[in-house]
N, C-alpha and C. Protein backbone atom coordinates (compact mmCIF):
# COMPACT_ATOMS: atom_id res chain seq x y z
N UNK A 1 19.94 31.20 73.01
CA UNK A 1 20.32 30.96 74.39
C UNK A 1 21.79 31.33 74.57
N UNK A 2 22.11 31.94 75.68
CA UNK A 2 23.48 32.35 75.99
C UNK A 2 24.05 31.43 77.07
N UNK A 3 25.34 31.22 76.99
CA UNK A 3 26.00 30.36 77.96
C UNK A 3 27.33 30.98 78.36
N UNK A 4 27.54 31.14 79.64
CA UNK A 4 28.83 31.60 80.17
C UNK A 4 29.52 30.38 80.77
N UNK A 5 30.81 30.26 80.52
CA UNK A 5 31.54 29.06 80.95
C UNK A 5 32.74 29.42 81.80
N UNK A 6 33.11 28.55 82.73
CA UNK A 6 34.31 28.77 83.52
C UNK A 6 35.56 28.50 82.69
N UNK A 7 36.57 29.32 82.87
CA UNK A 7 37.85 29.12 82.20
C UNK A 7 38.97 29.60 83.11
N UNK A 8 40.15 29.01 82.95
CA UNK A 8 41.31 29.35 83.79
C UNK A 8 42.18 30.36 83.07
N UNK A 9 42.60 31.39 83.77
CA UNK A 9 43.48 32.40 83.21
C UNK A 9 44.90 31.84 83.13
N UNK A 10 45.49 31.91 81.96
CA UNK A 10 46.87 31.47 81.76
C UNK A 10 47.86 32.60 81.99
N UNK A 11 47.60 33.75 81.37
CA UNK A 11 48.51 34.88 81.51
C UNK A 11 47.76 36.19 81.27
N UNK A 12 48.26 37.22 81.94
CA UNK A 12 47.70 38.56 81.77
C UNK A 12 48.48 39.30 80.70
N UNK A 13 47.82 40.20 80.02
CA UNK A 13 48.46 41.05 79.02
C UNK A 13 48.39 42.50 79.51
N UNK A 14 49.27 43.32 79.02
CA UNK A 14 49.33 44.73 79.46
C UNK A 14 48.13 45.54 78.99
N UNK A 15 47.39 45.07 78.01
CA UNK A 15 46.30 45.84 77.41
C UNK A 15 44.92 45.53 78.00
N UNK A 16 44.87 44.96 79.21
CA UNK A 16 43.59 44.64 79.84
C UNK A 16 42.96 43.34 79.36
N UNK A 17 43.75 42.56 78.65
CA UNK A 17 43.28 41.27 78.15
C UNK A 17 44.02 40.15 78.86
N UNK A 18 43.49 38.95 78.71
CA UNK A 18 44.14 37.77 79.27
C UNK A 18 43.96 36.61 78.30
N UNK A 19 44.88 35.68 78.36
CA UNK A 19 44.73 34.42 77.65
C UNK A 19 44.11 33.44 78.64
N UNK A 20 43.03 32.79 78.22
CA UNK A 20 42.38 31.79 79.06
C UNK A 20 42.45 30.44 78.35
N UNK A 21 42.29 29.38 79.13
CA UNK A 21 42.34 28.02 78.58
C UNK A 21 41.08 27.28 79.00
N UNK A 22 40.50 26.61 78.02
CA UNK A 22 39.34 25.77 78.29
C UNK A 22 39.45 24.52 77.44
N UNK A 23 39.66 23.42 78.10
CA UNK A 23 39.73 22.12 77.41
C UNK A 23 40.78 22.13 76.30
N UNK A 24 41.92 22.73 76.58
CA UNK A 24 43.03 22.74 75.63
C UNK A 24 42.99 23.85 74.60
N UNK A 25 41.92 24.63 74.58
CA UNK A 25 41.80 25.74 73.64
C UNK A 25 42.16 27.03 74.36
N UNK A 26 43.02 27.83 73.75
CA UNK A 26 43.43 29.11 74.34
C UNK A 26 42.75 30.24 73.57
N UNK A 27 42.12 31.14 74.33
CA UNK A 27 41.41 32.28 73.74
C UNK A 27 41.82 33.55 74.48
N UNK A 28 41.61 34.67 73.82
CA UNK A 28 41.87 35.97 74.42
C UNK A 28 40.54 36.55 74.90
N UNK A 29 40.52 37.05 76.14
CA UNK A 29 39.31 37.67 76.68
C UNK A 29 39.65 39.00 77.34
N UNK A 30 38.65 39.85 77.45
CA UNK A 30 38.79 41.13 78.12
C UNK A 30 38.59 40.94 79.63
N UNK A 31 39.39 41.66 80.41
CA UNK A 31 39.25 41.66 81.87
C UNK A 31 38.63 42.96 82.38
N UNK A 32 38.03 43.74 81.48
CA UNK A 32 37.48 45.04 81.86
C UNK A 32 36.41 44.96 82.95
N UNK A 33 35.73 43.84 83.08
CA UNK A 33 34.62 43.73 84.02
C UNK A 33 34.98 43.06 85.35
N UNK A 34 36.24 42.65 85.51
CA UNK A 34 36.66 41.99 86.76
C UNK A 34 37.91 42.67 87.31
N UNK A 35 38.08 42.58 88.62
CA UNK A 35 39.25 43.14 89.28
C UNK A 35 40.01 42.04 90.00
N UNK A 36 41.28 42.27 90.19
CA UNK A 36 42.13 41.42 91.02
C UNK A 36 42.10 39.95 90.62
N UNK A 37 42.31 39.66 89.36
CA UNK A 37 42.45 38.28 88.90
C UNK A 37 43.83 38.12 88.30
N UNK A 38 44.30 36.89 88.30
CA UNK A 38 45.62 36.62 87.76
C UNK A 38 45.74 35.20 87.26
N UNK A 39 46.91 34.85 86.77
CA UNK A 39 47.13 33.49 86.27
C UNK A 39 46.75 32.44 87.32
N UNK A 40 46.02 31.43 86.86
CA UNK A 40 45.56 30.36 87.74
C UNK A 40 44.15 30.57 88.26
N UNK A 41 43.66 31.81 88.23
CA UNK A 41 42.29 32.08 88.68
C UNK A 41 41.30 31.59 87.63
N UNK A 42 40.12 31.22 88.09
CA UNK A 42 39.02 30.87 87.21
C UNK A 42 38.06 32.03 87.10
N UNK A 43 37.56 32.27 85.90
CA UNK A 43 36.58 33.31 85.66
C UNK A 43 35.45 32.73 84.81
N UNK A 44 34.29 33.36 84.90
CA UNK A 44 33.17 33.03 84.02
C UNK A 44 33.35 33.87 82.76
N UNK A 45 33.31 33.23 81.59
CA UNK A 45 33.55 33.93 80.32
C UNK A 45 32.29 33.86 79.46
N UNK A 46 31.94 35.03 78.90
CA UNK A 46 30.81 35.10 77.98
C UNK A 46 31.14 36.13 76.89
N UNK A 47 31.06 35.72 75.66
CA UNK A 47 31.26 36.57 74.49
C UNK A 47 32.54 37.39 74.59
N UNK A 48 33.63 36.76 75.00
CA UNK A 48 34.92 37.42 75.01
C UNK A 48 35.22 38.27 76.22
N UNK A 49 34.35 38.23 77.23
CA UNK A 49 34.54 39.00 78.46
C UNK A 49 34.54 38.08 79.67
N UNK A 50 35.50 38.31 80.57
CA UNK A 50 35.45 37.66 81.88
C UNK A 50 34.46 38.46 82.72
N UNK A 51 33.45 37.78 83.26
CA UNK A 51 32.39 38.46 84.00
C UNK A 51 32.60 38.48 85.51
N UNK A 52 33.20 37.41 86.05
CA UNK A 52 33.39 37.31 87.50
C UNK A 52 34.42 36.24 87.81
N UNK A 53 35.06 36.38 88.94
CA UNK A 53 35.99 35.37 89.42
C UNK A 53 35.18 34.24 90.06
N UNK A 54 35.68 33.01 89.91
CA UNK A 54 35.02 31.83 90.47
C UNK A 54 35.90 31.14 91.49
N UNK A 55 35.25 30.50 92.44
CA UNK A 55 35.94 29.61 93.35
C UNK A 55 36.49 28.44 92.53
N UNK A 56 37.77 28.07 92.69
CA UNK A 56 38.35 27.00 91.88
C UNK A 56 37.63 25.66 92.02
N UNK A 57 37.15 25.33 93.20
CA UNK A 57 36.44 24.06 93.40
C UNK A 57 35.14 24.06 92.61
N UNK A 58 34.40 25.16 92.68
CA UNK A 58 33.15 25.26 91.93
C UNK A 58 33.40 25.24 90.42
N UNK A 59 34.47 25.92 90.00
CA UNK A 59 34.80 25.93 88.57
C UNK A 59 35.10 24.51 88.07
N UNK A 60 35.92 23.78 88.81
CA UNK A 60 36.26 22.41 88.42
C UNK A 60 35.02 21.52 88.41
N UNK A 61 34.14 21.70 89.39
CA UNK A 61 32.91 20.90 89.45
C UNK A 61 32.02 21.19 88.24
N UNK A 62 31.90 22.47 87.89
CA UNK A 62 31.09 22.85 86.73
C UNK A 62 31.68 22.29 85.44
N UNK A 63 32.99 22.39 85.28
CA UNK A 63 33.64 21.85 84.08
C UNK A 63 33.46 20.33 84.00
N UNK A 64 33.51 19.65 85.13
CA UNK A 64 33.29 18.20 85.14
C UNK A 64 31.86 17.87 84.72
N UNK A 65 30.90 18.66 85.18
CA UNK A 65 29.51 18.44 84.78
C UNK A 65 29.32 18.67 83.27
N UNK A 66 29.96 19.71 82.73
CA UNK A 66 29.90 19.94 81.29
C UNK A 66 30.48 18.76 80.54
N UNK A 67 31.63 18.25 81.00
CA UNK A 67 32.26 17.11 80.34
C UNK A 67 31.37 15.88 80.41
N UNK A 68 30.75 15.66 81.56
CA UNK A 68 29.86 14.52 81.72
C UNK A 68 28.63 14.64 80.80
N UNK A 69 28.08 15.83 80.71
CA UNK A 69 26.92 16.04 79.84
C UNK A 69 27.29 15.83 78.38
N UNK A 70 28.49 16.24 78.00
CA UNK A 70 28.94 16.03 76.63
C UNK A 70 29.15 14.56 76.31
N UNK A 71 29.62 13.80 77.28
CA UNK A 71 29.86 12.37 77.09
C UNK A 71 28.52 11.62 76.98
N UNK A 72 27.49 12.16 77.65
CA UNK A 72 26.19 11.49 77.63
C UNK A 72 25.44 11.77 76.33
N UNK A 73 25.81 12.84 75.64
CA UNK A 73 25.07 13.25 74.44
C UNK A 73 25.32 12.35 73.27
């Protein structure tokens, strides 16, 4: 099963990559598949690629649901 998760962009890099943050973990992802994103934007991330920009309210809601599901497990 595959899962794409929302993450917030921390900073852009000159090489088409960005640092994203999810629950305190910082990872490097490719921005090759999305346009016009920047620090503070939320993107859906899957296997090291940002797939699409997300509405910040929806991203926060989804992250809260993930946290709630993890607490229930």
